[in-house]
Amino acid sequence: MILGKPAPFVRAFVDAVDEAIRAQSPSHGMSAMQRTWLAFCVTAVLVTNSICWARFARASLGTYALAPLSWMFRPSKLPWEDLLVASGRVILRHYGITSGSLVIDDTDNPRSKAAKALAHLYKLRDKDSGGYLWGQSLVFLLLGTPTMSLPVGFAFSQPAPECSAWYKKEKTLKKQGVAKSQRPPKPPANPAYPTKQQLALRLLERFHAHHPTVRIHCIMADALYGTAPFVDGASVTFGGVQVISQIRSNQNVRVHKRDQHVAAYFATHPGTPHTIRIRGGEEVIAIVGSARL
């Protein structure tokens, strides 16, 4: 498909985002050239279904060259930190969204083994094969509403180099049968490399600061974030909202005044089968149970 200029609806959206940025920070607005470049790139992403300067240049039939497209992305002083926040405000205002639920999750983004210049690269554990791969790890925040779900924040996660070296040595010493008392202690936490739970709390705090008028019904995350510091911190950030997380099999639950292992509790409370339809698709049988624990 030939791409000569940005799509009108994309240009209108970029202009609205620029107005939202200027309303919050008048000195951080985009220039006319920056708005045109951004509108073209967004249009090119939609047309080519990729993020590739060479494809963008070919689709424009020489109207936009590869070198200036790449230059605008690299040295140009675009207000990158404000773009996601402002675009979120524009979308929320356009659709009249005033409330929703926040979802925290993380994902691994595989990269080529030859990649060296990208930020936050490290050796990741491949859950499918059980091996390792080279890539980046992302923690992201979604706002789920009855109308739509949209990304409202993200952060790169990377372990501290000293912790990675300690884990590698710890694994080797364990295989050799070295006693724990004779193995080196785990290095202290490095503030420059926050954990995924800490990054998630920061994303929640930023969302609350940037969108104070959006009412949050609950916060959801998987078992990785089912720790007391995260659950308590996330709830306090939004005035005591409910935080829903996945329980781990090695945890205990308190039944009335008695603690019980979670496996033992569910062995005697198996739940009841219910037929549900997931996202308008096929019907499935789900085991449903509820309890005050």
C-alpha atoms as a PDB file:
ATOM      1  CA  MET A   1       0.000   0.000   0.000  1.00  0.00           C
ATOM      2  CA  ILE A   2       1.312   3.475  -0.925  1.00  0.00           C
ATOM      3  CA  LEU A   3       1.639   5.843   2.016  1.00  0.00           C
ATOM      4  CA  GLY A   4       2.001   9.496   0.982  1.00  0.00           C
ATOM      5  CA  LYS A   5       0.896  11.336   4.105  1.00  0.00           C
ATOM      6  CA  PRO A   6      -0.481  10.610   7.579  1.00  0.00           C
ATOM      7  CA  ALA A   7      -4.076   9.441   7.861  1.00  0.00           C
ATOM      8  CA  PRO A   8      -6.420  12.315   8.846  1.00  0.00           C
ATOM      9  CA  PHE A   9      -7.730  10.527  11.957  1.00  0.00           C
ATOM     10  CA  VAL A  10      -4.161   9.807  13.094  1.00  0.00           C
ATOM     11  CA  ARG A  11      -3.157  13.455  12.640  1.00  0.00           C
ATOM     12  CA  ALA A  12      -6.223  14.541  14.608  1.00  0.00           C
ATOM     13  CA  PHE A  13      -5.274  12.145  17.401  1.00  0.00           C
ATOM     14  CA  VAL A  14      -1.657  13.360  17.514  1.00  0.00           C
ATOM     15  CA  ASP A  15      -2.869  16.988  17.646  1.00  0.00           C
ATOM     16  CA  ALA A  16      -5.164  16.086  20.545  1.00  0.00           C
ATOM     17  CA  VAL A  17      -2.264  14.402  22.349  1.00  0.00           C
ATOM     18  CA  ASP A  18      -0.123  17.505  21.847  1.00  0.00           C
ATOM     19  CA  GLU A  19      -2.875  19.668  23.326  1.00  0.00           C
ATOM     20  CA  ALA A  20      -3.093  17.355  26.333  1.00  0.00           C
ATOM     21  CA  ILE A  21       0.682  17.605  26.845  1.00  0.00           C
ATOM     22  CA  ARG A  22       0.616  21.403  26.630  1.00  0.00           C
ATOM     23  CA  ALA A  23      -2.299  21.569  29.075  1.00  0.00           C
ATOM     24  CA  GLN A  24      -0.199  19.725  31.653  1.00  0.00           C
ATOM     25  CA  SER A  25       3.269  21.090  30.737  1.00  0.00           C
ATOM     26  CA  PRO A  26       3.190  24.055  28.307  1.00  0.00           C
ATOM     27  CA  SER A  27       6.936  23.822  27.646  1.00  0.00           C
ATOM     28  CA  HIS A  28       6.802  20.126  26.637  1.00  0.00           C
ATOM     29  CA  GLY A  29       4.614  20.416  23.549  1.00  0.00           C
ATOM     30  CA  MET A  30       5.642  19.002  20.181  1.00  0.00           C
ATOM     31  CA  SER A  31       6.755  21.069  17.221  1.00  0.00           C
ATOM     32  CA  ALA A  32       4.931  20.898  13.878  1.00  0.00           C
ATOM     33  CA  MET A  33       7.702  18.703  12.463  1.00  0.00           C
ATOM     34  CA  GLN A  34       7.530  16.338  15.427  1.00  0.00           C
ATOM     35  CA  ARG A  35       3.746  16.048  15.138  1.00  0.00           C
ATOM     36  CA  THR A  36       4.003  15.302  11.403  1.00  0.00           C
ATOM     37  CA  TRP A  37       6.708  12.684  11.976  1.00  0.00           C
ATOM     38  CA  LEU A  38       4.760  10.992  14.766  1.00  0.00           C
ATOM     39  CA  ALA A  39       1.521  10.974  12.765  1.00  0.00           C
ATOM     40  CA  PHE A  40       3.312   9.435   9.776  1.00  0.00           C
ATOM     41  CA  CYS A  41       4.957   6.758  11.951  1.00  0.00           C
ATOM     42  CA  VAL A  42       1.662   5.798  13.608  1.00  0.00           C
ATOM     43  CA  THR A  43       0.007   5.589  10.194  1.00  0.00           C
ATOM     44  CA  ALA A  44       2.920   3.522   8.855  1.00  0.00           C
ATOM     45  CA  VAL A  45       2.639   1.097  11.787  1.00  0.00           C
ATOM     46  CA  LEU A  46      -1.038   0.566  10.935  1.00  0.00           C
ATOM     47  CA  VAL A  47      -0.331   0.132   7.206  1.00  0.00           C
ATOM     48  CA  THR A  48       2.766  -2.092   7.382  1.00  0.00           C
ATOM     49  CA  ASN A  49       1.911  -3.851  10.652  1.00  0.00           C
ATOM     50  CA  SER A  50       5.514  -3.366  11.767  1.00  0.00           C
ATOM     51  CA  ILE A  51       7.960  -0.900  13.299  1.00  0.00           C
ATOM     52  CA  CYS A  52      10.676  -0.684  10.640  1.00  0.00           C
ATOM     53  CA  TRP A  53      12.111   2.520   9.145  1.00  0.00           C
ATOM     54  CA  ALA A  54      13.000   0.774   5.875  1.00  0.00           C
ATOM     55  CA  ARG A  55       9.430  -0.462   5.400  1.00  0.00           C
ATOM     56  CA  PHE A  56       8.088   2.989   6.249  1.00  0.00           C
ATOM     57  CA  ALA A  57      10.348   4.565   3.620  1.00  0.00           C
ATOM     58  CA  ARG A  58       9.372   2.021   0.948  1.00  0.00           C
ATOM     59  CA  ALA A  59       5.675   2.475   1.689  1.00  0.00           C
ATOM     60  CA  SER A  60       6.016   6.245   1.201  1.00  0.00           C
ATOM     61  CA  LEU A  61       7.710   5.803  -2.223  1.00  0.00           C
ATOM     62  CA  GLY A  62      10.488   8.215  -1.323  1.00  0.00           C
ATOM     63  CA  THR A  63       8.359  10.869   0.370  1.00  0.00           C
ATOM     64  CA  TYR A  64      10.069   9.959   3.650  1.00  0.00           C
ATOM     65  CA  ALA A  65      13.628   8.624   3.642  1.00  0.00           C
ATOM     66  CA  LEU A  66      15.009   6.065   6.070  1.00  0.00           C
ATOM     67  CA  ALA A  67      17.773   8.283   7.514  1.00  0.00           C
ATOM     68  CA  PRO A  68      15.613  11.263   8.634  1.00  0.00           C
ATOM     69  CA  LEU A  69      12.922   8.930   9.987  1.00  0.00           C
ATOM     70  CA  SER A  70      15.522   7.187  12.130  1.00  0.00           C
ATOM     71  CA  TRP A  71      17.157  10.500  13.107  1.00  0.00           C
ATOM     72  CA  MET A  72      13.877  11.903  14.433  1.00  0.00           C
ATOM     73  CA  PHE A  73      13.476   8.845  16.631  1.00  0.00           C
ATOM     74  CA  ARG A  74      17.012   8.969  18.054  1.00  0.00           C
ATOM     75  CA  PRO A  75      18.370  12.546  18.560  1.00  0.00           C
ATOM     76  CA  SER A  76      15.080  14.478  18.375  1.00  0.00           C
ATOM     77  CA  LYS A  77      13.911  15.729  21.779  1.00  0.00           C
ATOM     78  CA  LEU A  78      10.379  14.381  21.703  1.00  0.00           C
ATOM     79  CA  PRO A  79       8.485  14.376  25.033  1.00  0.00           C
ATOM     80  CA  TRP A  80       8.573  10.575  25.249  1.00  0.00           C
ATOM     81  CA  GLU A  81       7.633  10.465  28.945  1.00  0.00           C
ATOM     82  CA  ASP A  82       4.482  12.490  28.283  1.00  0.00           C
ATOM     83  CA  LEU A  83       3.211  10.724  25.146  1.00  0.00           C
ATOM     84  CA  LEU A  84       1.705   7.646  26.796  1.00  0.00           C
ATOM     85  CA  VAL A  85       0.127   9.645  29.629  1.00  0.00           C
ATOM     86  CA  ALA A  86      -1.324  12.268  27.296  1.00  0.00           C
ATOM     87  CA  SER A  87      -2.630   9.709  24.789  1.00  0.00           C
ATOM     88  CA  GLY A  88      -4.301   7.869  27.654  1.00  0.00           C
ATOM     89  CA  ARG A  89      -6.010  11.068  28.764  1.00  0.00           C
ATOM     90  CA  VAL A  90      -7.236  11.735  25.228  1.00  0.00           C
ATOM     91  CA  ILE A  91      -8.721   8.242  24.886  1.00  0.00           C
ATOM     92  CA  LEU A  92     -10.346   8.299  28.324  1.00  0.00           C
ATOM     93  CA  ARG A  93     -11.877  11.705  27.629  1.00  0.00           C
ATOM     94  CA  HIS A  94     -13.053  10.734  24.131  1.00  0.00           C
ATOM     95  CA  TYR A  95     -14.903   7.633  25.347  1.00  0.00           C
ATOM     96  CA  GLY A  96     -16.087   9.178  28.615  1.00  0.00           C
ATOM     97  CA  ILE A  97     -14.305   6.581  30.753  1.00  0.00           C
ATOM     98  CA  THR A  98     -14.231   7.554  34.436  1.00  0.00           C
ATOM     99  CA  SER A  99     -13.597   4.218  36.183  1.00  0.00           C
ATOM    100  CA  GLY A 100     -12.125   0.768  35.696  1.00  0.00           C
ATOM    101  CA  SER A 101      -9.859  -1.929  37.120  1.00  0.00           C
ATOM    102  CA  LEU A 102      -6.070  -2.071  36.921  1.00  0.00           C
ATOM    103  CA  VAL A 103      -4.215  -5.222  35.841  1.00  0.00           C
ATOM    104  CA  ILE A 104      -0.513  -5.821  36.476  1.00  0.00           C
ATOM    105  CA  ASP A 105       1.408  -8.418  34.473  1.00  0.00           C
ATOM    106  CA  ASP A 106       4.858  -9.024  33.030  1.00  0.00           C
ATOM    107  CA  THR A 107       6.177 -10.551  29.835  1.00  0.00           C
ATOM    108  CA  ASP A 108       9.489 -11.532  28.258  1.00  0.00           C
ATOM    109  CA  ASN A 109      10.443 -10.083  24.880  1.00  0.00           C
ATOM    110  CA  PRO A 110      12.959 -12.330  23.046  1.00  0.00           C
ATOM    111  CA  ARG A 111      15.712 -10.581  21.101  1.00  0.00           C
ATOM    112  CA  SER A 112      18.413 -11.673  18.710  1.00  0.00           C
ATOM    113  CA  LYS A 113      21.570 -13.073  20.304  1.00  0.00           C
ATOM    114  CA  ALA A 114      23.496 -10.490  18.273  1.00  0.00           C
ATOM    115  CA  ALA A 115      21.640  -7.592  19.943  1.00  0.00           C
ATOM    116  CA  LYS A 116      24.015  -5.617  22.159  1.00  0.00           C
ATOM    117  CA  ALA A 117      22.935  -1.959  22.030  1.00  0.00           C
ATOM    118  CA  LEU A 118      19.379  -2.423  23.328  1.00  0.00           C
ATOM    119  CA  ALA A 119      18.751  -1.473  26.938  1.00  0.00           C
ATOM    120  CA  HIS A 120      17.942  -3.911  29.758  1.00  0.00           C
ATOM    121  CA  LEU A 121      19.065  -7.039  27.908  1.00  0.00           C
ATOM    122  CA  TYR A 122      19.873 -10.145  29.931  1.00  0.00           C
ATOM    123  CA  LYS A 123      19.572 -13.942  29.840  1.00  0.00           C
ATOM    124  CA  LEU A 124      15.940 -14.941  30.414  1.00  0.00           C
ATOM    125  CA  ARG A 125      14.493 -18.260  31.435  1.00  0.00           C
ATOM    126  CA  ASP A 126      12.397 -19.737  28.606  1.00  0.00           C
ATOM    127  CA  LYS A 127       9.235 -21.149  30.209  1.00  0.00           C
ATOM    128  CA  ASP A 128       8.333 -23.243  27.144  1.00  0.00           C
ATOM    129  CA  SER A 129      11.632 -25.039  26.524  1.00  0.00           C
ATOM    130  CA  GLY A 130      13.138 -24.807  30.001  1.00  0.00           C
ATOM    131  CA  GLY A 131      16.282 -23.271  28.525  1.00  0.00           C
ATOM    132  CA  TYR A 132      17.467 -19.692  28.243  1.00  0.00           C
ATOM    133  CA  LEU A 133      17.079 -16.897  25.732  1.00  0.00           C
ATOM    134  CA  TRP A 134      18.400 -13.361  25.219  1.00  0.00           C
ATOM    135  CA  GLY A 135      15.857 -10.596  25.654  1.00  0.00           C
ATOM    136  CA  GLN A 136      14.090  -8.006  27.776  1.00  0.00           C
ATOM    137  CA  SER A 137      11.554  -8.317  30.567  1.00  0.00           C
ATOM    138  CA  LEU A 138       8.642  -5.878  30.846  1.00  0.00           C
ATOM    139  CA  VAL A 139       6.219  -5.083  33.647  1.00  0.00           C
ATOM    140  CA  PHE A 140       3.085  -3.409  32.289  1.00  0.00           C
ATOM    141  CA  LEU A 141      -0.104  -1.876  33.611  1.00  0.00           C
ATOM    142  CA  LEU A 142      -3.497  -2.132  31.888  1.00  0.00           C
ATOM    143  CA  LEU A 143      -6.721  -0.287  32.608  1.00  0.00           C
ATOM    144  CA  GLY A 144      -9.711  -2.567  32.032  1.00  0.00           C
ATOM    145  CA  THR A 145     -13.107  -0.945  31.508  1.00  0.00           C
ATOM    146  CA  PRO A 146     -16.501  -2.116  30.160  1.00  0.00           C
ATOM    147  CA  THR A 147     -15.680  -0.237  26.939  1.00  0.00           C
ATOM    148  CA  MET A 148     -12.054  -1.230  26.320  1.00  0.00           C
ATOM    149  CA  SER A 149      -8.725  -2.214  27.800  1.00  0.00           C
ATOM    150  CA  LEU A 150      -5.719   0.010  27.200  1.00  0.00           C
ATOM    151  CA  PRO A 151      -2.071   0.103  28.334  1.00  0.00           C
ATOM    152  CA  VAL A 152      -1.364   2.911  30.773  1.00  0.00           C
ATOM    153  CA  GLY A 153       2.179   2.185  31.933  1.00  0.00           C
ATOM    154  CA  PHE A 154       5.225  -0.052  31.548  1.00  0.00           C
ATOM    155  CA  ALA A 155       8.732  -0.480  32.948  1.00  0.00           C
ATOM    156  CA  PHE A 156      11.758  -2.604  32.075  1.00  0.00           C
ATOM    157  CA  SER A 157      12.851  -5.150  34.665  1.00  0.00           C
ATOM    158  CA  GLN A 158      16.401  -6.384  35.009  1.00  0.00           C
ATOM    159  CA  PRO A 159      18.175  -8.257  37.840  1.00  0.00           C
ATOM    160  CA  ALA A 160      21.204  -6.715  39.496  1.00  0.00           C
ATOM    161  CA  PRO A 161      24.470  -8.077  37.988  1.00  0.00           C
ATOM    162  CA  GLU A 162      25.789  -9.023  41.435  1.00  0.00           C
ATOM    163  CA  CYS A 163      22.608 -11.011  42.156  1.00  0.00           C
ATOM    164  CA  SER A 164      22.850 -12.822  38.825  1.00  0.00           C
ATOM    165  CA  ALA A 165      26.463 -13.754  39.555  1.00  0.00           C
ATOM    166  CA  TRP A 166      25.481 -14.919  43.063  1.00  0.00           C
ATOM    167  CA  TYR A 167      22.634 -17.114  41.747  1.00  0.00           C
ATOM    168  CA  LYS A 168      24.963 -18.731  39.225  1.00  0.00           C
ATOM    169  CA  LYS A 169      27.589 -19.479  41.875  1.00  0.00           C
ATOM    170  CA  GLU A 170      24.925 -20.612  44.356  1.00  0.00           C
ATOM    171  CA  LYS A 171      23.566 -23.126  41.857  1.00  0.00           C
ATOM    172  CA  THR A 172      27.052 -24.527  41.216  1.00  0.00           C
ATOM    173  CA  LEU A 173      27.890 -24.842  44.917  1.00  0.00           C
ATOM    174  CA  LYS A 174      24.550 -26.553  45.625  1.00  0.00           C
ATOM    175  CA  LYS A 175      25.302 -29.185  42.974  1.00  0.00           C
ATOM    176  CA  GLN A 176      28.699 -29.710  44.577  1.00  0.00           C
ATOM    177  CA  GLY A 177      27.030 -30.369  47.941  1.00  0.00           C
ATOM    178  CA  VAL A 178      28.499 -27.336  49.728  1.00  0.00           C
ATOM    179  CA  ALA A 179      26.651 -26.570  52.972  1.00  0.00           C
ATOM    180  CA  LYS A 180      24.629 -23.365  53.133  1.00  0.00           C
ATOM    181  CA  SER A 181      26.780 -22.025  55.978  1.00  0.00           C
ATOM    182  CA  GLN A 182      29.823 -22.272  53.720  1.00  0.00           C
ATOM    183  CA  ARG A 183      28.208 -20.654  50.688  1.00  0.00           C
ATOM    184  CA  PRO A 184      28.451 -16.861  50.122  1.00  0.00           C
ATOM    185  CA  PRO A 185      25.439 -14.901  51.423  1.00  0.00           C
ATOM    186  CA  LYS A 186      23.044 -13.288  48.988  1.00  0.00           C
ATOM    187  CA  PRO A 187      24.139  -9.709  48.194  1.00  0.00           C
ATOM    188  CA  PRO A 188      21.933  -6.885  49.513  1.00  0.00           C
ATOM    189  CA  ALA A 189      19.248  -5.416  47.287  1.00  0.00           C
ATOM    190  CA  ASN A 190      20.497  -2.854  44.774  1.00  0.00           C
ATOM    191  CA  PRO A 191      18.171   0.193  44.559  1.00  0.00           C
ATOM    192  CA  ALA A 192      19.212   0.700  40.939  1.00  0.00           C
ATOM    193  CA  TYR A 193      17.597  -2.646  40.040  1.00  0.00           C
ATOM    194  CA  PRO A 194      14.126  -2.720  41.643  1.00  0.00           C
ATOM    195  CA  THR A 195      12.129  -5.940  41.752  1.00  0.00           C
ATOM    196  CA  LYS A 196       9.058  -6.491  39.594  1.00  0.00           C
ATOM    197  CA  GLN A 197       6.842  -5.909  42.622  1.00  0.00           C
ATOM    198  CA  GLN A 198       8.542  -2.565  43.273  1.00  0.00           C
ATOM    199  CA  LEU A 199       8.207  -1.587  39.615  1.00  0.00           C
ATOM    200  CA  ALA A 200       4.505  -2.499  39.699  1.00  0.00           C
ATOM    201  CA  LEU A 201       3.943  -0.283  42.742  1.00  0.00           C
ATOM    202  CA  ARG A 202       5.702   2.595  40.967  1.00  0.00           C
ATOM    203  CA  LEU A 203       3.468   2.145  37.918  1.00  0.00           C
ATOM    204  CA  LEU A 204       0.378   2.254  40.138  1.00  0.00           C
ATOM    205  CA  GLU A 205       1.601   5.402  41.876  1.00  0.00           C
ATOM    206  CA  ARG A 206       2.305   7.112  38.547  1.00  0.00           C
ATOM    207  CA  PHE A 207      -1.122   6.202  37.203  1.00  0.00           C
ATOM    208  CA  HIS A 208      -2.779   7.587  40.320  1.00  0.00           C
ATOM    209  CA  ALA A 209      -0.759  10.817  40.003  1.00  0.00           C
ATOM    210  CA  HIS A 210      -1.451  11.223  36.262  1.00  0.00           C
ATOM    211  CA  HIS A 211      -5.141  10.184  36.333  1.00  0.00           C
ATOM    212  CA  PRO A 212      -6.438  11.222  39.776  1.00  0.00           C
ATOM    213  CA  THR A 213     -10.068  11.453  38.609  1.00  0.00           C
ATOM    214  CA  VAL A 214     -10.276   7.840  37.370  1.00  0.00           C
ATOM    215  CA  ARG A 215     -11.997   5.675  39.963  1.00  0.00           C
ATOM    216  CA  ILE A 216     -10.366   2.265  40.447  1.00  0.00           C
ATOM    217  CA  HIS A 217     -12.611  -0.627  41.511  1.00  0.00           C
ATOM    218  CA  CYS A 218      -9.885  -3.213  42.094  1.00  0.00           C
ATOM    219  CA  ILE A 219      -6.306  -4.171  41.215  1.00  0.00           C
ATOM    220  CA  MET A 220      -5.469  -7.618  39.765  1.00  0.00           C
ATOM    221  CA  ALA A 221      -2.144  -9.422  39.448  1.00  0.00           C
ATOM    222  CA  ASP A 222      -0.870 -12.997  39.311  1.00  0.00           C
ATOM    223  CA  ALA A 223       0.882 -15.020  42.019  1.00  0.00           C
ATOM    224  CA  LEU A 224       4.227 -13.235  41.551  1.00  0.00           C
ATOM    225  CA  TYR A 225       2.671 -10.105  43.045  1.00  0.00           C
ATOM    226  CA  GLY A 226       0.774 -11.868  45.846  1.00  0.00           C
ATOM    227  CA  THR A 227       3.122 -10.559  48.543  1.00  0.00           C
ATOM    228  CA  ALA A 228       2.141  -8.477  51.539  1.00  0.00           C
ATOM    229  CA  PRO A 229       4.259  -5.410  50.563  1.00  0.00           C
ATOM    230  CA  PHE A 230       2.693  -5.270  47.092  1.00  0.00           C
ATOM    231  CA  VAL A 231      -0.895  -6.038  48.128  1.00  0.00           C
ATOM    232  CA  ASP A 232      -0.837  -3.578  51.027  1.00  0.00           C
ATOM    233  CA  GLY A 233       1.004  -0.882  49.068  1.00  0.00           C
ATOM    234  CA  ALA A 234      -1.266  -1.166  46.025  1.00  0.00           C
ATOM    235  CA  SER A 235      -4.400  -0.993  48.173  1.00  0.00           C
ATOM    236  CA  VAL A 236      -3.204   2.066  50.095  1.00  0.00           C
ATOM    237  CA  THR A 237      -2.286   3.912  46.879  1.00  0.00           C
ATOM    238  CA  PHE A 238      -5.930   3.909  45.800  1.00  0.00           C
ATOM    239  CA  GLY A 239      -7.542   4.445  49.193  1.00  0.00           C
ATOM    240  CA  GLY A 240      -7.995   0.833  50.277  1.00  0.00           C
ATOM    241  CA  VAL A 241      -9.342  -0.816  47.106  1.00  0.00           C
ATOM    242  CA  GLN A 242      -9.428  -4.590  46.810  1.00  0.00           C
ATOM    243  CA  VAL A 243      -6.327  -6.306  45.402  1.00  0.00           C
ATOM    244  CA  ILE A 244      -6.933  -9.700  43.765  1.00  0.00           C
ATOM    245  CA  SER A 245      -3.992 -12.058  43.289  1.00  0.00           C
ATOM    246  CA  GLN A 246      -3.423 -15.749  42.676  1.00  0.00           C
ATOM    247  CA  ILE A 247      -2.668 -17.802  45.766  1.00  0.00           C
ATOM    248  CA  ARG A 248       0.419 -20.035  45.738  1.00  0.00           C
ATOM    249  CA  SER A 249       0.286 -23.735  46.568  1.00  0.00           C
ATOM    250  CA  ASN A 250       2.784 -23.363  49.444  1.00  0.00           C
ATOM    251  CA  GLN A 251       0.773 -20.707  51.296  1.00  0.00           C
ATOM    252  CA  ASN A 252      -1.527 -21.016  54.296  1.00  0.00           C
ATOM    253  CA  VAL A 253      -5.031 -19.633  54.699  1.00  0.00           C
ATOM    254  CA  ARG A 254      -6.713 -18.633  57.933  1.00  0.00           C
ATOM    255  CA  VAL A 255     -10.075 -20.335  58.429  1.00  0.00           C
ATOM    256  CA  HIS A 256     -11.777 -18.452  61.266  1.00  0.00           C
ATOM    257  CA  LYS A 257      -8.994 -18.522  63.884  1.00  0.00           C
ATOM    258  CA  ARG A 258      -7.102 -21.548  62.583  1.00  0.00           C
ATOM    259  CA  ASP A 259      -4.325 -21.603  59.963  1.00  0.00           C
ATOM    260  CA  GLN A 260      -4.582 -24.337  57.328  1.00  0.00           C
ATOM    261  CA  HIS A 261      -2.437 -25.273  54.329  1.00  0.00           C
ATOM    262  CA  VAL A 262      -4.091 -24.176  51.094  1.00  0.00           C
ATOM    263  CA  ALA A 263      -3.882 -27.672  49.568  1.00  0.00           C
ATOM    264  CA  ALA A 264      -5.583 -29.189  52.627  1.00  0.00           C
ATOM    265  CA  TYR A 265      -8.330 -26.578  52.531  1.00  0.00           C
ATOM    266  CA  PHE A 266      -9.188 -27.076  48.858  1.00  0.00           C
ATOM    267  CA  ALA A 267      -9.074 -30.863  49.271  1.00  0.00           C
ATOM    268  CA  THR A 268     -12.120 -30.560  51.527  1.00  0.00           C
ATOM    269  CA  HIS A 269     -13.717 -27.665  49.586  1.00  0.00           C
ATOM    270  CA  PRO A 270     -13.474 -28.703  45.904  1.00  0.00           C
ATOM    271  CA  GLY A 271     -16.006 -26.158  44.608  1.00  0.00           C
ATOM    272  CA  THR A 272     -18.912 -26.708  42.219  1.00  0.00           C
ATOM    273  CA  PRO A 273     -18.931 -26.910  38.404  1.00  0.00           C
ATOM    274  CA  HIS A 274     -20.501 -24.038  36.458  1.00  0.00           C
ATOM    275  CA  THR A 275     -20.931 -23.516  32.727  1.00  0.00           C
ATOM    276  CA  ILE A 276     -19.521 -20.160  31.596  1.00  0.00           C
ATOM    277  CA  ARG A 277     -18.800 -18.491  28.257  1.00  0.00           C
ATOM    278  CA  ILE A 278     -15.377 -16.828  27.940  1.00  0.00           C
ATOM    279  CA  ARG A 279     -15.408 -13.565  25.967  1.00  0.00           C
ATOM    280  CA  GLY A 280     -18.361 -14.631  23.876  1.00  0.00           C
ATOM    281  CA  GLY A 281     -16.644 -17.832  22.727  1.00  0.00           C
ATOM    282  CA  GLU A 282     -17.264 -21.457  23.470  1.00  0.00           C
ATOM    283  CA  GLU A 283     -18.858 -22.594  26.704  1.00  0.00           C
ATOM    284  CA  VAL A 284     -16.556 -24.296  29.224  1.00  0.00           C
ATOM    285  CA  ILE A 285     -17.005 -25.981  32.584  1.00  0.00           C
ATOM    286  CA  ALA A 286     -15.297 -24.056  35.397  1.00  0.00           C
ATOM    287  CA  ILE A 287     -14.942 -25.095  39.025  1.00  0.00           C
ATOM    288  CA  VAL A 288     -16.113 -22.167  41.147  1.00  0.00           C
ATOM    289  CA  GLY A 289     -15.826 -21.705  44.883  1.00  0.00           C
ATOM    290  CA  SER A 290     -15.893 -18.843  47.348  1.00  0.00           C
ATOM    291  CA  ALA A 291     -14.992 -18.485  50.999  1.00  0.00           C
ATOM    292  CA  ARG A 292     -14.093 -15.860  53.583  1.00  0.00           C
ATOM    293  CA  LEU A 293     -10.506 -16.684  54.499  1.00  0.00           C
END
